[in-house]
Amino acid sequence: MSDNRDTTQAWIEQFYQARGWSNYGPFERVGFLMEEVGETARAIRAIEIGRDRPDELVQPMERLRQELVEELGDVLGNIIILANMYDVSLDQILEVHKDKLTKRYQSGV
């Protein structure tokens, strides 16, 4: 593992490896990421417009927010595993993203 990974990336990598979840290649991992993005979308829908089907129970906002946090965590975990596969740190991702946006929107628009 590279020294440029933060402790969160290292923890995720160790946790996934201990369970054999790191044995999947990048194509499978992207599939898992897309699944989790869909679950995140469903959690947001539940917060914003409520239940979608008559067999879904109304949940308190605290539970809906907890589900959103859990799903965002699942998305982040998959992003971290993909980043680790290519030896990219979260700090590097965020710095490049920040630079890209700053250059793209220099005019303030």
PDB file of N, CA and C in Angstrom:
ATOM      1  N   MET A   1       0.846  -1.175   0.000  1.00  0.00           N
ATOM      2  CA  MET A   1       0.000   0.000   0.000  1.00  0.00           C
ATOM      3  C   MET A   1       0.890   1.235   0.000  1.00  0.00           C
ATOM      4  N   SER A   2       0.536   2.227  -0.801  1.00  0.00           N
ATOM      5  CA  SER A   2       1.321   3.445  -0.941  1.00  0.00           C
ATOM      6  C   SER A   2       1.220   4.309   0.311  1.00  0.00           C
ATOM      7  N   ASP A   3       2.263   5.084   0.566  1.00  0.00           N
ATOM      8  CA  ASP A   3       2.281   5.975   1.718  1.00  0.00           C
ATOM      9  C   ASP A   3       1.358   7.175   1.543  1.00  0.00           C
ATOM     10  N   ASN A   4       0.899   7.434   0.313  1.00  0.00           N
ATOM     11  CA  ASN A   4       0.068   8.611   0.093  1.00  0.00           C
ATOM     12  C   ASN A   4      -1.405   8.368   0.414  1.00  0.00           C
ATOM     13  N   ARG A   5      -1.752   7.208   0.868  1.00  0.00           N
ATOM     14  CA  ARG A   5      -3.139   6.919   1.246  1.00  0.00           C
ATOM     15  C   ARG A   5      -3.373   7.323   2.689  1.00  0.00           C
ATOM     16  N   ASP A   6      -4.506   7.930   2.938  1.00  0.00           N
ATOM     17  CA  ASP A   6      -4.815   8.325   4.306  1.00  0.00           C
ATOM     18  C   ASP A   6      -5.301   7.122   5.102  1.00  0.00           C
ATOM     19  N   THR A   7      -5.533   7.334   6.375  1.00  0.00           N
ATOM     20  CA  THR A   7      -5.923   6.227   7.251  1.00  0.00           C
ATOM     21  C   THR A   7      -7.288   5.654   6.880  1.00  0.00           C
ATOM     22  N   THR A   8      -8.183   6.485   6.349  1.00  0.00           N
ATOM     23  CA  THR A   8      -9.489   5.983   5.920  1.00  0.00           C
ATOM     24  C   THR A   8      -9.329   5.000   4.772  1.00  0.00           C
ATOM     25  N   GLN A   9      -8.505   5.363   3.799  1.00  0.00           N
ATOM     26  CA  GLN A   9      -8.274   4.459   2.669  1.00  0.00           C
ATOM     27  C   GLN A   9      -7.640   3.163   3.140  1.00  0.00           C
ATOM     28  N   ALA A  10      -6.688   3.250   4.041  1.00  0.00           N
ATOM     29  CA  ALA A  10      -6.026   2.049   4.546  1.00  0.00           C
ATOM     30  C   ALA A  10      -7.017   1.170   5.303  1.00  0.00           C
ATOM     31  N   TRP A  11      -7.872   1.775   6.121  1.00  0.00           N
ATOM     32  CA  TRP A  11      -8.845   1.004   6.886  1.00  0.00           C
ATOM     33  C   TRP A  11      -9.814   0.287   5.952  1.00  0.00           C
ATOM     34  N   ILE A  12     -10.352   1.015   4.974  1.00  0.00           N
ATOM     35  CA  ILE A  12     -11.276   0.406   4.010  1.00  0.00           C
ATOM     36  C   ILE A  12     -10.596  -0.749   3.296  1.00  0.00           C
ATOM     37  N   GLU A  13      -9.359  -0.546   2.852  1.00  0.00           N
ATOM     38  CA  GLU A  13      -8.643  -1.598   2.135  1.00  0.00           C
ATOM     39  C   GLU A  13      -8.479  -2.840   3.008  1.00  0.00           C
ATOM     40  N   GLN A  14      -8.075  -2.664   4.264  1.00  0.00           N
ATOM     41  CA  GLN A  14      -7.887  -3.801   5.164  1.00  0.00           C
ATOM     42  C   GLN A  14      -9.210  -4.503   5.451  1.00  0.00           C
ATOM     43  N   PHE A  15     -10.259  -3.732   5.685  1.00  0.00           N
ATOM     44  CA  PHE A  15     -11.573  -4.304   5.988  1.00  0.00           C
ATOM     45  C   PHE A  15     -12.085  -5.137   4.818  1.00  0.00           C
ATOM     46  N   TYR A  16     -11.998  -4.582   3.607  1.00  0.00           N
ATOM     47  CA  TYR A  16     -12.468  -5.289   2.413  1.00  0.00           C
ATOM     48  C   TYR A  16     -11.612  -6.530   2.147  1.00  0.00           C
ATOM     49  N   GLN A  17     -10.306  -6.405   2.315  1.00  0.00           N
ATOM     50  CA  GLN A  17      -9.413  -7.548   2.078  1.00  0.00           C
ATOM     51  C   GLN A  17      -9.715  -8.682   3.044  1.00  0.00           C
ATOM     52  N   ALA A  18      -9.972  -8.367   4.295  1.00  0.00           N
ATOM     53  CA  ALA A  18     -10.237  -9.395   5.305  1.00  0.00           C
ATOM     54  C   ALA A  18     -11.473 -10.224   4.964  1.00  0.00           C
ATOM     55  N   ARG A  19     -12.375  -9.657   4.180  1.00  0.00           N
ATOM     56  CA  ARG A  19     -13.612 -10.342   3.815  1.00  0.00           C
ATOM     57  C   ARG A  19     -13.600 -10.870   2.386  1.00  0.00           C
ATOM     58  N   GLY A  20     -12.491 -10.697   1.698  1.00  0.00           N
ATOM     59  CA  GLY A  20     -12.392 -11.151   0.326  1.00  0.00           C
ATOM     60  C   GLY A  20     -13.083 -10.237  -0.671  1.00  0.00           C
ATOM     61  N   TRP A  21     -13.516  -9.073  -0.219  1.00  0.00           N
ATOM     62  CA  TRP A  21     -14.234  -8.151  -1.096  1.00  0.00           C
ATOM     63  C   TRP A  21     -13.304  -7.427  -2.063  1.00  0.00           C
ATOM     64  N   SER A  22     -12.013  -7.490  -1.824  1.00  0.00           N
ATOM     65  CA  SER A  22     -11.050  -6.840  -2.710  1.00  0.00           C
ATOM     66  C   SER A  22     -10.657  -7.741  -3.874  1.00  0.00           C
ATOM     67  N   ASN A  23     -11.199  -8.938  -3.898  1.00  0.00           N
ATOM     68  CA  ASN A  23     -10.858  -9.887  -4.958  1.00  0.00           C
ATOM     69  C   ASN A  23     -11.540  -9.552  -6.280  1.00  0.00           C
ATOM     70  N   TYR A  24     -12.494  -8.647  -6.243  1.00  0.00           N
ATOM     71  CA  TYR A  24     -13.198  -8.258  -7.462  1.00  0.00           C
ATOM     72  C   TYR A  24     -12.367  -7.244  -8.242  1.00  0.00           C
ATOM     73  N   GLY A  25     -12.402  -7.358  -9.561  1.00  0.00           N
ATOM     74  CA  GLY A  25     -11.678  -6.426 -10.412  1.00  0.00           C
ATOM     75  C   GLY A  25     -12.420  -5.106 -10.544  1.00  0.00           C
ATOM     76  N   PRO A  26     -11.827  -4.168 -11.260  1.00  0.00           N
ATOM     77  CA  PRO A  26     -12.423  -2.838 -11.381  1.00  0.00           C
ATOM     78  C   PRO A  26     -13.789  -2.836 -12.070  1.00  0.00           C
ATOM     79  N   PHE A  27     -14.020  -3.712 -13.032  1.00  0.00           N
ATOM     80  CA  PHE A  27     -15.324  -3.727 -13.700  1.00  0.00           C
ATOM     81  C   PHE A  27     -16.425  -4.162 -12.741  1.00  0.00           C
ATOM     82  N   GLU A  28     -16.158  -5.175 -11.930  1.00  0.00           N
ATOM     83  CA  GLU A  28     -17.144  -5.605 -10.932  1.00  0.00           C
ATOM     84  C   GLU A  28     -17.332  -4.516  -9.883  1.00  0.00           C
ATOM     85  N   ARG A  29     -16.238  -3.904  -9.469  1.00  0.00           N
ATOM     86  CA  ARG A  29     -16.305  -2.858  -8.440  1.00  0.00           C
ATOM     87  C   ARG A  29     -17.137  -1.677  -8.930  1.00  0.00           C
ATOM     88  N   VAL A  30     -16.998  -1.293 -10.195  1.00  0.00           N
ATOM     89  CA  VAL A  30     -17.811  -0.205 -10.742  1.00  0.00           C
ATOM     90  C   VAL A  30     -19.287  -0.606 -10.723  1.00  0.00           C
ATOM     91  N   GLY A  31     -19.578  -1.871 -10.987  1.00  0.00           N
ATOM     92  CA  GLY A  31     -20.959  -2.345 -10.893  1.00  0.00           C
ATOM     93  C   GLY A  31     -21.505  -2.191  -9.484  1.00  0.00           C
ATOM     94  N   PHE A  32     -20.690  -2.549  -8.486  1.00  0.00           N
ATOM     95  CA  PHE A  32     -21.110  -2.376  -7.088  1.00  0.00           C
ATOM     96  C   PHE A  32     -21.322  -0.894  -6.782  1.00  0.00           C
ATOM     97  N   LEU A  33     -20.436  -0.045  -7.301  1.00  0.00           N
ATOM     98  CA  LEU A  33     -20.571   1.396  -7.096  1.00  0.00           C
ATOM     99  C   LEU A  33     -21.901   1.888  -7.662  1.00  0.00           C
ATOM    100  N   MET A  34     -22.238   1.459  -8.869  1.00  0.00           N
ATOM    101  CA  MET A  34     -23.493   1.899  -9.491  1.00  0.00           C
ATOM    102  C   MET A  34     -24.701   1.434  -8.682  1.00  0.00           C
ATOM    103  N   GLU A  35     -24.622   0.219  -8.152  1.00  0.00           N
ATOM    104  CA  GLU A  35     -25.700  -0.288  -7.304  1.00  0.00           C
ATOM    105  C   GLU A  35     -25.879   0.611  -6.078  1.00  0.00           C
ATOM    106  N   GLU A  36     -24.777   0.980  -5.461  1.00  0.00           N
ATOM    107  CA  GLU A  36     -24.845   1.828  -4.268  1.00  0.00           C
ATOM    108  C   GLU A  36     -25.315   3.243  -4.606  1.00  0.00           C
ATOM    109  N   VAL A  37     -24.950   3.748  -5.778  1.00  0.00           N
ATOM    110  CA  VAL A  37     -25.445   5.064  -6.209  1.00  0.00           C
ATOM    111  C   VAL A  37     -26.970   5.002  -6.361  1.00  0.00           C
ATOM    112  N   GLY A  38     -27.475   3.905  -6.910  1.00  0.00           N
ATOM    113  CA  GLY A  38     -28.922   3.732  -7.022  1.00  0.00           C
ATOM    114  C   GLY A  38     -29.598   3.708  -5.660  1.00  0.00           C
ATOM    115  N   GLU A  39     -28.990   3.030  -4.699  1.00  0.00           N
ATOM    116  CA  GLU A  39     -29.549   2.990  -3.347  1.00  0.00           C
ATOM    117  C   GLU A  39     -29.492   4.369  -2.696  1.00  0.00           C
ATOM    118  N   THR A  40     -28.467   5.138  -3.014  1.00  0.00           N
ATOM    119  CA  THR A  40     -28.374   6.508  -2.513  1.00  0.00           C
ATOM    120  C   THR A  40     -29.492   7.355  -3.112  1.00  0.00           C
ATOM    121  N   ALA A  41     -29.746   7.179  -4.400  1.00  0.00           N
ATOM    122  CA  ALA A  41     -30.828   7.913  -5.051  1.00  0.00           C
ATOM    123  C   ALA A  41     -32.173   7.575  -4.406  1.00  0.00           C
ATOM    124  N   ARG A  42     -32.364   6.315  -4.076  1.00  0.00           N
ATOM    125  CA  ARG A  42     -33.623   5.907  -3.440  1.00  0.00           C
ATOM    126  C   ARG A  42     -33.750   6.548  -2.053  1.00  0.00           C
ATOM    127  N   ALA A  43     -32.643   6.611  -1.309  1.00  0.00           N
ATOM    128  CA  ALA A  43     -32.664   7.238   0.019  1.00  0.00           C
ATOM    129  C   ALA A  43     -33.002   8.730  -0.095  1.00  0.00           C
ATOM    130  N   ILE A  44     -32.456   9.383  -1.092  1.00  0.00           N
ATOM    131  CA  ILE A  44     -32.741  10.808  -1.295  1.00  0.00           C
ATOM    132  C   ILE A  44     -34.198  10.999  -1.699  1.00  0.00           C
ATOM    133  N   ARG A  45     -34.684  10.129  -2.577  1.00  0.00           N
ATOM    134  CA  ARG A  45     -36.087  10.210  -2.963  1.00  0.00           C
ATOM    135  C   ARG A  45     -36.996  10.076  -1.746  1.00  0.00           C
ATOM    136  N   ALA A  46     -36.665   9.157  -0.862  1.00  0.00           N
ATOM    137  CA  ALA A  46     -37.483   8.946   0.334  1.00  0.00           C
ATOM    138  C   ALA A  46     -37.509  10.206   1.206  1.00  0.00           C
ATOM    139  N   ILE A  47     -36.387  10.898   1.290  1.00  0.00           N
ATOM    140  CA  ILE A  47     -36.330  12.135   2.075  1.00  0.00           C
ATOM    141  C   ILE A  47     -37.121  13.244   1.384  1.00  0.00           C
ATOM    142  N   GLU A  48     -36.940  13.373   0.090  1.00  0.00           N
ATOM    143  CA  GLU A  48     -37.502  14.509  -0.633  1.00  0.00           C
ATOM    144  C   GLU A  48     -38.980  14.362  -0.990  1.00  0.00           C
ATOM    145  N   ILE A  49     -39.409  13.180  -1.372  1.00  0.00           N
ATOM    146  CA  ILE A  49     -40.808  13.043  -1.791  1.00  0.00           C
ATOM    147  C   ILE A  49     -41.559  11.956  -1.028  1.00  0.00           C
ATOM    148  N   GLY A  50     -40.894  11.298  -0.137  1.00  0.00           N
ATOM    149  CA  GLY A  50     -41.570  10.306   0.686  1.00  0.00           C
ATOM    150  C   GLY A  50     -41.614   8.938   0.050  1.00  0.00           C
ATOM    151  N   ARG A  51     -42.448   8.115   0.600  1.00  0.00           N
ATOM    152  CA  ARG A  51     -42.536   6.740   0.126  1.00  0.00           C
ATOM    153  C   ARG A  51     -43.105   6.716  -1.283  1.00  0.00           C
ATOM    154  N   ASP A  52     -42.694   5.702  -2.017  1.00  0.00           N
ATOM    155  CA  ASP A  52     -43.070   5.608  -3.424  1.00  0.00           C
ATOM    156  C   ASP A  52     -44.155   4.565  -3.649  1.00  0.00           C
ATOM    157  N   ARG A  53     -44.189   3.569  -2.806  1.00  0.00           N
ATOM    158  CA  ARG A  53     -45.135   2.464  -2.987  1.00  0.00           C
ATOM    159  C   ARG A  53     -46.013   2.349  -1.748  1.00  0.00           C
ATOM    160  N   PRO A  54     -47.223   1.858  -1.936  1.00  0.00           N
ATOM    161  CA  PRO A  54     -48.120   1.743  -0.785  1.00  0.00           C
ATOM    162  C   PRO A  54     -47.642   0.724   0.260  1.00  0.00           C
ATOM    163  N   ASP A  55     -46.761  -0.226  -0.133  1.00  0.00           N
ATOM    164  CA  ASP A  55     -46.287  -1.209   0.844  1.00  0.00           C
ATOM    165  C   ASP A  55     -45.056  -0.727   1.605  1.00  0.00           C
ATOM    166  N   GLU A  56     -44.567   0.490   1.299  1.00  0.00           N
ATOM    167  CA  GLU A  56     -43.447   1.059   2.049  1.00  0.00           C
ATOM    168  C   GLU A  56     -43.992   1.827   3.254  1.00  0.00           C
ATOM    169  N   LEU A  57     -43.400   1.580   4.380  1.00  0.00           N
ATOM    170  CA  LEU A  57     -43.827   2.265   5.591  1.00  0.00           C
ATOM    171  C   LEU A  57     -43.209   3.662   5.657  1.00  0.00           C
ATOM    172  N   VAL A  58     -43.970   4.582   6.211  1.00  0.00           N
ATOM    173  CA  VAL A  58     -43.452   5.920   6.444  1.00  0.00           C
ATOM    174  C   VAL A  58     -42.390   5.819   7.544  1.00  0.00           C
ATOM    175  N   GLN A  59     -41.232   6.387   7.279  1.00  0.00           N
ATOM    176  CA  GLN A  59     -40.125   6.341   8.235  1.00  0.00           C
ATOM    177  C   GLN A  59     -39.896   7.734   8.816  1.00  0.00           C
ATOM    178  N   PRO A  60     -39.473   7.806  10.070  1.00  0.00           N
ATOM    179  CA  PRO A  60     -39.136   9.126  10.631  1.00  0.00           C
ATOM    180  C   PRO A  60     -37.912   9.705   9.915  1.00  0.00           C
ATOM    181  N   MET A  61     -37.824  11.029   9.863  1.00  0.00           N
ATOM    182  CA  MET A  61     -36.731  11.702   9.166  1.00  0.00           C
ATOM    183  C   MET A  61     -35.367  11.250   9.693  1.00  0.00           C
ATOM    184  N   GLU A  62     -35.250  11.007  10.969  1.00  0.00           N
ATOM    185  CA  GLU A  62     -33.968  10.552  11.537  1.00  0.00           C
ATOM    186  C   GLU A  62     -33.521   9.238  10.881  1.00  0.00           C
ATOM    187  N   ARG A  63     -34.450   8.324  10.685  1.00  0.00           N
ATOM    188  CA  ARG A  63     -34.126   7.031  10.041  1.00  0.00           C
ATOM    189  C   ARG A  63     -33.789   7.228   8.565  1.00  0.00           C
ATOM    190  N   LEU A  64     -34.524   8.103   7.887  1.00  0.00           N
ATOM    191  CA  LEU A  64     -34.247   8.374   6.479  1.00  0.00           C
ATOM    192  C   LEU A  64     -32.846   8.970   6.302  1.00  0.00           C
ATOM    193  N   ARG A  65     -32.490   9.888   7.169  1.00  0.00           N
ATOM    194  CA  ARG A  65     -31.148  10.491   7.101  1.00  0.00           C
ATOM    195  C   ARG A  65     -30.076   9.452   7.403  1.00  0.00           C
ATOM    196  N   GLN A  66     -30.345   8.557   8.354  1.00  0.00           N
ATOM    197  CA  GLN A  66     -29.390   7.496   8.668  1.00  0.00           C
ATOM    198  C   GLN A  66     -29.174   6.589   7.460  1.00  0.00           C
ATOM    199  N   GLU A  67     -30.243   6.259   6.756  1.00  0.00           N
ATOM    200  CA  GLU A  67     -30.127   5.441   5.546  1.00  0.00           C
ATOM    201  C   GLU A  67     -29.295   6.163   4.490  1.00  0.00           C
ATOM    202  N   LEU A  68     -29.504   7.472   4.344  1.00  0.00           N
ATOM    203  CA  LEU A  68     -28.721   8.252   3.389  1.00  0.00           C
ATOM    204  C   LEU A  68     -27.242   8.217   3.748  1.00  0.00           C
ATOM    205  N   VAL A  69     -26.933   8.425   5.011  1.00  0.00           N
ATOM    206  CA  VAL A  69     -25.531   8.392   5.459  1.00  0.00           C
ATOM    207  C   VAL A  69     -24.913   7.023   5.188  1.00  0.00           C
ATOM    208  N   GLU A  70     -25.658   5.957   5.468  1.00  0.00           N
ATOM    209  CA  GLU A  70     -25.149   4.605   5.219  1.00  0.00           C
ATOM    210  C   GLU A  70     -24.885   4.380   3.732  1.00  0.00           C
ATOM    211  N   GLU A  71     -25.808   4.812   2.883  1.00  0.00           N
ATOM    212  CA  GLU A  71     -25.629   4.613   1.446  1.00  0.00           C
ATOM    213  C   GLU A  71     -24.485   5.461   0.899  1.00  0.00           C
ATOM    214  N   LEU A  72     -24.356   6.692   1.381  1.00  0.00           N
ATOM    215  CA  LEU A  72     -23.213   7.513   0.967  1.00  0.00           C
ATOM    216  C   LEU A  72     -21.903   6.860   1.404  1.00  0.00           C
ATOM    217  N   GLY A  73     -21.910   6.227   2.563  1.00  0.00           N
ATOM    218  CA  GLY A  73     -20.734   5.491   3.025  1.00  0.00           C
ATOM    219  C   GLY A  73     -20.404   4.337   2.103  1.00  0.00           C
ATOM    220  N   ASP A  74     -21.425   3.625   1.636  1.00  0.00           N
ATOM    221  CA  ASP A  74     -21.202   2.518   0.705  1.00  0.00           C
ATOM    222  C   ASP A  74     -20.623   3.023  -0.619  1.00  0.00           C
ATOM    223  N   VAL A  75     -21.126   4.181  -1.086  1.00  0.00           N
ATOM    224  CA  VAL A  75     -20.583   4.785  -2.306  1.00  0.00           C
ATOM    225  C   VAL A  75     -19.122   5.138  -2.084  1.00  0.00           C
ATOM    226  N   LEU A  76     -18.835   5.799  -0.977  1.00  0.00           N
ATOM    227  CA  LEU A  76     -17.463   6.211  -0.683  1.00  0.00           C
ATOM    228  C   LEU A  76     -16.539   5.005  -0.552  1.00  0.00           C
ATOM    229  N   GLY A  77     -17.009   3.940   0.097  1.00  0.00           N
ATOM    230  CA  GLY A  77     -16.190   2.734   0.226  1.00  0.00           C
ATOM    231  C   GLY A  77     -15.796   2.177  -1.132  1.00  0.00           C
ATOM    232  N   ASN A  78     -16.734   2.141  -2.061  1.00  0.00           N
ATOM    233  CA  ASN A  78     -16.430   1.638  -3.398  1.00  0.00           C
ATOM    234  C   ASN A  78     -15.494   2.573  -4.152  1.00  0.00           C
ATOM    235  N   ILE A  79     -15.659   3.869  -3.976  1.00  0.00           N
ATOM    236  CA  ILE A  79     -14.738   4.823  -4.606  1.00  0.00           C
ATOM    237  C   ILE A  79     -13.338   4.641  -4.048  1.00  0.00           C
ATOM    238  N   ILE A  80     -13.239   4.446  -2.754  1.00  0.00           N
ATOM    239  CA  ILE A  80     -11.930   4.244  -2.130  1.00  0.00           C
ATOM    240  C   ILE A  80     -11.263   2.986  -2.666  1.00  0.00           C
ATOM    241  N   ILE A  81     -12.001   1.905  -2.771  1.00  0.00           N
ATOM    242  CA  ILE A  81     -11.424   0.663  -3.299  1.00  0.00           C
ATOM    243  C   ILE A  81     -10.935   0.867  -4.730  1.00  0.00           C
ATOM    244  N   LEU A  82     -11.721   1.559  -5.552  1.00  0.00           N
ATOM    245  CA  LEU A  82     -11.280   1.850  -6.919  1.00  0.00           C
ATOM    246  C   LEU A  82     -10.024   2.725  -6.918  1.00  0.00           C
ATOM    247  N   ALA A  83     -10.002   3.732  -6.063  1.00  0.00           N
ATOM    248  CA  ALA A  83      -8.822   4.592  -5.965  1.00  0.00           C
ATOM    249  C   ALA A  83      -7.606   3.770  -5.552  1.00  0.00           C
ATOM    250  N   ASN A  84      -7.783   2.876  -4.600  1.00  0.00           N
ATOM    251  CA  ASN A  84      -6.681   2.037  -4.149  1.00  0.00           C
ATOM    252  C   ASN A  84      -6.161   1.134  -5.264  1.00  0.00           C
ATOM    253  N   MET A  85      -7.071   0.642  -6.110  1.00  0.00           N
ATOM    254  CA  MET A  85      -6.656  -0.219  -7.217  1.00  0.00           C
ATOM    255  C   MET A  85      -5.685   0.497  -8.149  1.00  0.00           C
ATOM    256  N   TYR A  86      -5.827   1.807  -8.227  1.00  0.00           N
ATOM    257  CA  TYR A  86      -4.993   2.586  -9.137  1.00  0.00           C
ATOM    258  C   TYR A  86      -4.001   3.475  -8.392  1.00  0.00           C
ATOM    259  N   ASP A  87      -3.816   3.180  -7.094  1.00  0.00           N
ATOM    260  CA  ASP A  87      -2.855   3.892  -6.253  1.00  0.00           C
ATOM    261  C   ASP A  87      -3.060   5.406  -6.305  1.00  0.00           C
ATOM    262  N   VAL A  88      -4.306   5.814  -6.099  1.00  0.00           N
ATOM    263  CA  VAL A  88      -4.673   7.225  -6.083  1.00  0.00           C
ATOM    264  C   VAL A  88      -5.215   7.545  -4.696  1.00  0.00           C
ATOM    265  N   SER A  89      -4.733   8.622  -4.098  1.00  0.00           N
ATOM    266  CA  SER A  89      -5.202   8.995  -2.766  1.00  0.00           C
ATOM    267  C   SER A  89      -6.434   9.886  -2.865  1.00  0.00           C
ATOM    268  N   LEU A  90      -7.238   9.890  -1.809  1.00  0.00           N
ATOM    269  CA  LEU A  90      -8.394  10.779  -1.759  1.00  0.00           C
ATOM    270  C   LEU A  90      -7.947  12.231  -1.820  1.00  0.00           C
ATOM    271  N   ASP A  91      -6.844  12.542  -1.159  1.00  0.00           N
ATOM    272  CA  ASP A  91      -6.314  13.906  -1.218  1.00  0.00           C
ATOM    273  C   ASP A  91      -5.992  14.300  -2.657  1.00  0.00           C
ATOM    274  N   GLN A  92      -5.398  13.390  -3.413  1.00  0.00           N
ATOM    275  CA  GLN A  92      -5.074  13.671  -4.811  1.00  0.00           C
ATOM    276  C   GLN A  92      -6.356  13.886  -5.625  1.00  0.00           C
ATOM    277  N   ILE A  93      -7.341  13.040  -5.402  1.00  0.00           N
ATOM    278  CA  ILE A  93      -8.611  13.176  -6.115  1.00  0.00           C
ATOM    279  C   ILE A  93      -9.226  14.550  -5.838  1.00  0.00           C
ATOM    280  N   LEU A  94      -9.291  14.921  -4.571  1.00  0.00           N
ATOM    281  CA  LEU A  94      -9.922  16.183  -4.208  1.00  0.00           C
ATOM    282  C   LEU A  94      -9.132  17.386  -4.714  1.00  0.00           C
ATOM    283  N   GLU A  95      -7.824  17.311  -4.671  1.00  0.00           N
ATOM    284  CA  GLU A  95      -6.985  18.414  -5.154  1.00  0.00           C
ATOM    285  C   GLU A  95      -7.139  18.603  -6.665  1.00  0.00           C
ATOM    286  N   VAL A  96      -7.113  17.517  -7.417  1.00  0.00           N
ATOM    287  CA  VAL A  96      -7.283  17.606  -8.868  1.00  0.00           C
ATOM    288  C   VAL A  96      -8.683  18.120  -9.206  1.00  0.00           C
ATOM    289  N   HIS A  97      -9.685  17.653  -8.473  1.00  0.00           N
ATOM    290  CA  HIS A  97     -11.058  18.101  -8.707  1.00  0.00           C
ATOM    291  C   HIS A  97     -11.182  19.604  -8.429  1.00  0.00           C
ATOM    292  N   LYS A  98     -10.604  20.038  -7.329  1.00  0.00           N
ATOM    293  CA  LYS A  98     -10.633  21.456  -6.970  1.00  0.00           C
ATOM    294  C   LYS A  98      -9.947  22.303  -8.040  1.00  0.00           C
ATOM    295  N   ASP A  99      -8.784  21.862  -8.481  1.00  0.00           N
ATOM    296  CA  ASP A  99      -8.054  22.589  -9.524  1.00  0.00           C
ATOM    297  C   ASP A  99      -8.853  22.649 -10.818  1.00  0.00           C
ATOM    298  N   LYS A 100      -9.457  21.544 -11.204  1.00  0.00           N
ATOM    299  CA  LYS A 100     -10.255  21.496 -12.431  1.00  0.00           C
ATOM    300  C   LYS A 100     -11.400  22.494 -12.368  1.00  0.00           C
ATOM    301  N   LEU A 101     -12.128  22.500 -11.247  1.00  0.00           N
ATOM    302  CA  LEU A 101     -13.262  23.405 -11.115  1.00  0.00           C
ATOM    303  C   LEU A 101     -12.815  24.861 -11.065  1.00  0.00           C
ATOM    304  N   THR A 102     -11.727  25.116 -10.383  1.00  0.00           N
ATOM    305  CA  THR A 102     -11.211  26.484 -10.297  1.00  0.00           C
ATOM    306  C   THR A 102     -10.837  27.002 -11.677  1.00  0.00           C
ATOM    307  N   LYS A 103     -10.154  26.191 -12.457  1.00  0.00           N
ATOM    308  CA  LYS A 103      -9.763  26.607 -13.820  1.00  0.00           C
ATOM    309  C   LYS A 103     -10.985  26.757 -14.712  1.00  0.00           C
ATOM    310  N   ARG A 104     -11.913  25.843 -14.604  1.00  0.00           N
ATOM    311  CA  ARG A 104     -13.098  25.851 -15.468  1.00  0.00           C
ATOM    312  C   ARG A 104     -13.985  27.058 -15.203  1.00  0.00           C
ATOM    313  N   TYR A 105     -14.059  27.471 -13.948  1.00  0.00           N
ATOM    314  CA  TYR A 105     -14.979  28.550 -13.573  1.00  0.00           C
ATOM    315  C   TYR A 105     -14.238  29.774 -13.047  1.00  0.00           C
ATOM    316  N   GLN A 106     -13.116  30.106 -13.659  1.00  0.00           N
ATOM    317  CA  GLN A 106     -12.311  31.271 -13.248  1.00  0.00           C
ATOM    318  C   GLN A 106     -13.095  32.568 -13.302  1.00  0.00           C
ATOM    319  N   SER A 107     -14.001  32.677 -14.244  1.00  0.00           N
ATOM    320  CA  SER A 107     -14.744  33.915 -14.422  1.00  0.00           C
ATOM    321  C   SER A 107     -15.762  34.152 -13.292  1.00  0.00           C
ATOM    322  N   GLY A 108     -15.904  33.183 -12.409  1.00  0.00           N
ATOM    323  CA  GLY A 108     -16.850  33.329 -11.313  1.00  0.00           C
ATOM    324  C   GLY A 108     -18.256  32.900 -11.657  1.00  0.00           C
ATOM    325  N   VAL A 109     -18.450  32.393 -12.855  1.00  0.00           N
ATOM    326  CA  VAL A 109     -19.773  31.957 -13.300  1.00  0.00           C
ATOM    327  C   VAL A 109     -19.957  30.492 -12.986  1.00  0.00           C
TER     328      VAL A 109
END
